Amino acid sequence: MRLLVQRVKHAKVTVEEEVVGEIGVGLLALLGIRSDDTADKIPWMVQKLLKLRIFTDDQGKMNRSVRDIEGNILLVSQFTLYGDCHGGNRPSFTDALGGEAAEALYNQFVGQLKVELPKAQTGRFGAAMEVDLLNHGPVTLLIER
């Protein structure tokens, strides 16, 4: 399971010209699920996301979490995080979990996240999404479990 996390000033996800998720200051988290991932990784990943101290304190050091700043999280499914580009020029996605199994794990992740942060927003699983964001810093981190 991978999360590509970006600190943002704002972010939104649009599907067919409809905004389905939007946040102000917070984290845009792109979630990739590997073919051998299981639900037991979700609690750790959610807690890591919520406790990740990448917002600056009064001294300008990254020392505050999204909760500390009362920010929000926009979670977007992104199977391409498991794209393998080692071979030819077209990525292989055989490591990514697909279909109903991926959607079930994604929904479990969303459920756990919303227990901890009810105002969290999401994209739409499996949809062609447009993601608009203003990356702050920029700060972008990869978390894997």
C-alpha atoms as a PDB file:
ATOM      1  CA  MET A   1       0.000   0.000   0.000  1.00  0.00           C
ATOM      2  CA  ARG A   2       1.377   3.392  -0.990  1.00  0.00           C
ATOM      3  CA  LEU A   3       0.371   6.942  -0.204  1.00  0.00           C
ATOM      4  CA  LEU A   4       1.802   9.827  -2.177  1.00  0.00           C
ATOM      5  CA  VAL A   5       1.147  12.759   0.146  1.00  0.00           C
ATOM      6  CA  GLN A   6       1.280  16.397  -0.887  1.00  0.00           C
ATOM      7  CA  ARG A   7       0.953  19.370   1.439  1.00  0.00           C
ATOM      8  CA  VAL A   8      -1.524  21.706  -0.248  1.00  0.00           C
ATOM      9  CA  LYS A   9      -3.065  25.127   0.159  1.00  0.00           C
ATOM     10  CA  HIS A  10      -6.142  23.735  -1.603  1.00  0.00           C
ATOM     11  CA  ALA A  11      -7.126  20.764  -3.748  1.00  0.00           C
ATOM     12  CA  LYS A  12     -10.191  19.456  -5.526  1.00  0.00           C
ATOM     13  CA  VAL A  13     -11.275  16.480  -7.598  1.00  0.00           C
ATOM     14  CA  THR A  14     -13.677  16.827 -10.498  1.00  0.00           C
ATOM     15  CA  VAL A  15     -15.507  14.013 -12.305  1.00  0.00           C
ATOM     16  CA  GLU A  16     -17.418  14.891 -15.465  1.00  0.00           C
ATOM     17  CA  GLU A  17     -17.373  18.603 -14.527  1.00  0.00           C
ATOM     18  CA  GLU A  18     -18.780  17.890 -11.031  1.00  0.00           C
ATOM     19  CA  VAL A  19     -16.611  18.660  -7.996  1.00  0.00           C
ATOM     20  CA  VAL A  20     -16.753  15.482  -5.893  1.00  0.00           C
ATOM     21  CA  GLY A  21     -14.175  16.418  -3.241  1.00  0.00           C
ATOM     22  CA  GLU A  22     -12.558  19.687  -2.214  1.00  0.00           C
ATOM     23  CA  ILE A  23     -10.378  20.910   0.654  1.00  0.00           C
ATOM     24  CA  GLY A  24      -8.555  24.021   1.750  1.00  0.00           C
ATOM     25  CA  VAL A  25      -5.237  23.748   3.584  1.00  0.00           C
ATOM     26  CA  GLY A  26      -4.300  20.140   4.239  1.00  0.00           C
ATOM     27  CA  LEU A  27      -3.093  16.999   2.512  1.00  0.00           C
ATOM     28  CA  LEU A  28      -3.812  15.532  -0.886  1.00  0.00           C
ATOM     29  CA  ALA A  29      -3.183  11.795  -0.478  1.00  0.00           C
ATOM     30  CA  LEU A  30      -3.045   9.532  -3.523  1.00  0.00           C
ATOM     31  CA  LEU A  31      -3.611   5.897  -2.499  1.00  0.00           C
ATOM     32  CA  GLY A  32      -2.213   2.970  -4.453  1.00  0.00           C
ATOM     33  CA  ILE A  33      -3.124  -0.584  -3.488  1.00  0.00           C
ATOM     34  CA  ARG A  34      -0.825  -3.468  -4.405  1.00  0.00           C
ATOM     35  CA  SER A  35      -2.087  -6.872  -5.501  1.00  0.00           C
ATOM     36  CA  ASP A  36      -0.997  -8.532  -2.235  1.00  0.00           C
ATOM     37  CA  ASP A  37      -2.224  -5.788   0.141  1.00  0.00           C
ATOM     38  CA  THR A  38      -4.657  -6.615   2.933  1.00  0.00           C
ATOM     39  CA  ALA A  39      -6.842  -4.578   5.266  1.00  0.00           C
ATOM     40  CA  ASP A  40      -4.436  -5.026   8.187  1.00  0.00           C
ATOM     41  CA  LYS A  41      -2.234  -2.251   6.731  1.00  0.00           C
ATOM     42  CA  ILE A  42      -5.000   0.346   6.785  1.00  0.00           C
ATOM     43  CA  PRO A  43      -4.919   1.405  10.471  1.00  0.00           C
ATOM     44  CA  TRP A  44      -1.171   2.085  10.344  1.00  0.00           C
ATOM     45  CA  MET A  45      -1.458   4.030   7.079  1.00  0.00           C
ATOM     46  CA  VAL A  46      -4.362   6.154   8.342  1.00  0.00           C
ATOM     47  CA  GLN A  47      -2.552   6.979  11.583  1.00  0.00           C
ATOM     48  CA  LYS A  48       0.651   7.829   9.720  1.00  0.00           C
ATOM     49  CA  LEU A  49      -1.283  10.178   7.447  1.00  0.00           C
ATOM     50  CA  LEU A  50      -3.029  11.902  10.358  1.00  0.00           C
ATOM     51  CA  LYS A  51       0.107  12.237  12.483  1.00  0.00           C
ATOM     52  CA  LEU A  52       2.608  13.148   9.766  1.00  0.00           C
ATOM     53  CA  ARG A  53       4.225  16.394  10.922  1.00  0.00           C
ATOM     54  CA  ILE A  54       4.844  18.321   7.714  1.00  0.00           C
ATOM     55  CA  PHE A  55       3.203  21.658   8.507  1.00  0.00           C
ATOM     56  CA  THR A  56       5.402  24.401   9.890  1.00  0.00           C
ATOM     57  CA  ASP A  57       5.323  25.661  13.455  1.00  0.00           C
ATOM     58  CA  ASP A  58       6.081  29.205  14.662  1.00  0.00           C
ATOM     59  CA  GLN A  59       9.810  28.602  14.158  1.00  0.00           C
ATOM     60  CA  GLY A  60       9.335  27.475  10.550  1.00  0.00           C
ATOM     61  CA  LYS A  61      10.074  23.795  11.289  1.00  0.00           C
ATOM     62  CA  MET A  62       7.924  20.956  10.036  1.00  0.00           C
ATOM     63  CA  ASN A  63       6.428  20.054  13.380  1.00  0.00           C
ATOM     64  CA  ARG A  64       2.623  20.087  12.999  1.00  0.00           C
ATOM     65  CA  SER A  65       0.215  17.478  11.700  1.00  0.00           C
ATOM     66  CA  VAL A  66      -2.909  18.032   9.645  1.00  0.00           C
ATOM     67  CA  ARG A  67      -4.883  17.704  12.874  1.00  0.00           C
ATOM     68  CA  ASP A  68      -2.683  20.259  14.653  1.00  0.00           C
ATOM     69  CA  ILE A  69      -3.473  22.873  12.012  1.00  0.00           C
ATOM     70  CA  GLU A  70      -7.144  21.820  11.797  1.00  0.00           C
ATOM     71  CA  GLY A  71      -6.646  21.047   8.121  1.00  0.00           C
ATOM     72  CA  ASN A  72      -8.296  18.430   5.964  1.00  0.00           C
ATOM     73  CA  ILE A  73      -7.406  15.467   3.768  1.00  0.00           C
ATOM     74  CA  LEU A  74      -8.468  14.733   0.203  1.00  0.00           C
ATOM     75  CA  LEU A  75      -7.966  11.006  -0.526  1.00  0.00           C
ATOM     76  CA  VAL A  76      -7.830   9.885  -4.154  1.00  0.00           C
ATOM     77  CA  SER A  77      -7.419   6.321  -5.462  1.00  0.00           C
ATOM     78  CA  GLN A  78      -4.430   6.035  -7.812  1.00  0.00           C
ATOM     79  CA  PHE A  79      -3.585   2.583  -9.162  1.00  0.00           C
ATOM     80  CA  THR A  80      -0.779   4.080 -11.262  1.00  0.00           C
ATOM     81  CA  LEU A  81       1.347   4.401  -8.105  1.00  0.00           C
ATOM     82  CA  TYR A  82       2.163   0.752  -8.798  1.00  0.00           C
ATOM     83  CA  GLY A  83       3.090   1.349 -12.421  1.00  0.00           C
ATOM     84  CA  ASP A  84       6.344  -0.398 -13.334  1.00  0.00           C
ATOM     85  CA  CYS A  85       8.419   1.480 -15.914  1.00  0.00           C
ATOM     86  CA  HIS A  86      11.482  -0.799 -15.937  1.00  0.00           C
ATOM     87  CA  GLY A  87      10.604  -2.593 -19.174  1.00  0.00           C
ATOM     88  CA  GLY A  88       9.557  -0.834 -22.341  1.00  0.00           C
ATOM     89  CA  ASN A  89       8.077   2.607 -22.703  1.00  0.00           C
ATOM     90  CA  ARG A  90       4.584   1.668 -21.565  1.00  0.00           C
ATOM     91  CA  PRO A  91       4.168   1.068 -17.829  1.00  0.00           C
ATOM     92  CA  SER A  92       2.958  -2.264 -16.533  1.00  0.00           C
ATOM     93  CA  PHE A  93       0.296  -2.236 -13.835  1.00  0.00           C
ATOM     94  CA  THR A  94       0.387  -5.934 -12.903  1.00  0.00           C
ATOM     95  CA  ASP A  95       1.415  -5.089  -9.312  1.00  0.00           C
ATOM     96  CA  ALA A  96      -1.675  -2.923  -8.757  1.00  0.00           C
ATOM     97  CA  LEU A  97      -4.757  -4.507  -7.259  1.00  0.00           C
ATOM     98  CA  GLY A  98      -7.755  -3.952  -9.484  1.00  0.00           C
ATOM     99  CA  GLY A  99     -11.496  -4.208  -9.585  1.00  0.00           C
ATOM    100  CA  GLU A 100     -13.785  -5.024  -6.702  1.00  0.00           C
ATOM    101  CA  ALA A 101     -10.976  -6.101  -4.375  1.00  0.00           C
ATOM    102  CA  ALA A 102      -9.203  -2.740  -4.752  1.00  0.00           C
ATOM    103  CA  GLU A 103     -12.442  -0.840  -4.327  1.00  0.00           C
ATOM    104  CA  ALA A 104     -13.251  -2.773  -1.149  1.00  0.00           C
ATOM    105  CA  LEU A 105      -9.862  -1.933   0.402  1.00  0.00           C
ATOM    106  CA  TYR A 106     -10.153   1.685  -0.734  1.00  0.00           C
ATOM    107  CA  ASN A 107     -13.595   1.927   0.881  1.00  0.00           C
ATOM    108  CA  GLN A 108     -12.238   0.429   4.110  1.00  0.00           C
ATOM    109  CA  PHE A 109      -9.451   3.016   4.069  1.00  0.00           C
ATOM    110  CA  VAL A 110     -11.990   5.827   3.521  1.00  0.00           C
ATOM    111  CA  GLY A 111     -14.161   4.470   6.339  1.00  0.00           C
ATOM    112  CA  GLN A 112     -11.248   4.348   8.787  1.00  0.00           C
ATOM    113  CA  LEU A 113     -10.085   7.821   7.750  1.00  0.00           C
ATOM    114  CA  LYS A 114     -13.560   9.298   8.228  1.00  0.00           C
ATOM    115  CA  VAL A 115     -13.837   7.773  11.706  1.00  0.00           C
ATOM    116  CA  GLU A 116     -10.710   9.752  12.603  1.00  0.00           C
ATOM    117  CA  LEU A 117     -11.387  12.842  10.453  1.00  0.00           C
ATOM    118  CA  PRO A 118     -15.092  13.034   9.553  1.00  0.00           C
ATOM    119  CA  LYS A 119     -14.659  16.020   7.249  1.00  0.00           C
ATOM    120  CA  ALA A 120     -12.156  14.147   5.012  1.00  0.00           C
ATOM    121  CA  GLN A 121     -12.983  14.285   1.311  1.00  0.00           C
ATOM    122  CA  THR A 122     -12.472  11.746  -1.464  1.00  0.00           C
ATOM    123  CA  GLY A 123     -12.358  11.330  -5.181  1.00  0.00           C
ATOM    124  CA  ARG A 124     -14.488   8.709  -6.908  1.00  0.00           C
ATOM    125  CA  PHE A 125     -12.992   5.223  -7.168  1.00  0.00           C
ATOM    126  CA  GLY A 126     -12.443   4.063 -10.748  1.00  0.00           C
ATOM    127  CA  ALA A 127     -13.560   7.337 -12.327  1.00  0.00           C
ATOM    128  CA  ALA A 128     -11.603   9.490 -14.754  1.00  0.00           C
ATOM    129  CA  MET A 129     -10.769  12.308 -12.341  1.00  0.00           C
ATOM    130  CA  GLU A 130      -9.237  15.725 -12.734  1.00  0.00           C
ATOM    131  CA  VAL A 131      -7.190  16.722  -9.690  1.00  0.00           C
ATOM    132  CA  ASP A 132      -6.460  20.397  -9.183  1.00  0.00           C
ATOM    133  CA  LEU A 133      -4.099  21.455  -6.394  1.00  0.00           C
ATOM    134  CA  LEU A 134      -1.765  24.124  -5.165  1.00  0.00           C
ATOM    135  CA  ASN A 135       1.191  22.258  -3.668  1.00  0.00           C
ATOM    136  CA  HIS A 136       2.593  24.168  -0.698  1.00  0.00           C
ATOM    137  CA  GLY A 137       6.343  24.065  -0.303  1.00  0.00           C
ATOM    138  CA  PRO A 138       6.381  21.976  -2.383  1.00  0.00           C
ATOM    139  CA  VAL A 139       6.238  19.076   0.059  1.00  0.00           C
ATOM    140  CA  THR A 140       5.621  15.626  -1.404  1.00  0.00           C
ATOM    141  CA  LEU A 141       6.294  12.357   0.440  1.00  0.00           C
ATOM    142  CA  LEU A 142       5.878   8.673  -0.341  1.00  0.00           C
ATOM    143  CA  ILE A 143       4.624   6.428   2.472  1.00  0.00           C
ATOM    144  CA  GLU A 144       4.634   2.686   2.012  1.00  0.00           C
ATOM    145  CA  ARG A 145       3.686  -0.247   4.211  1.00  0.00           C
END
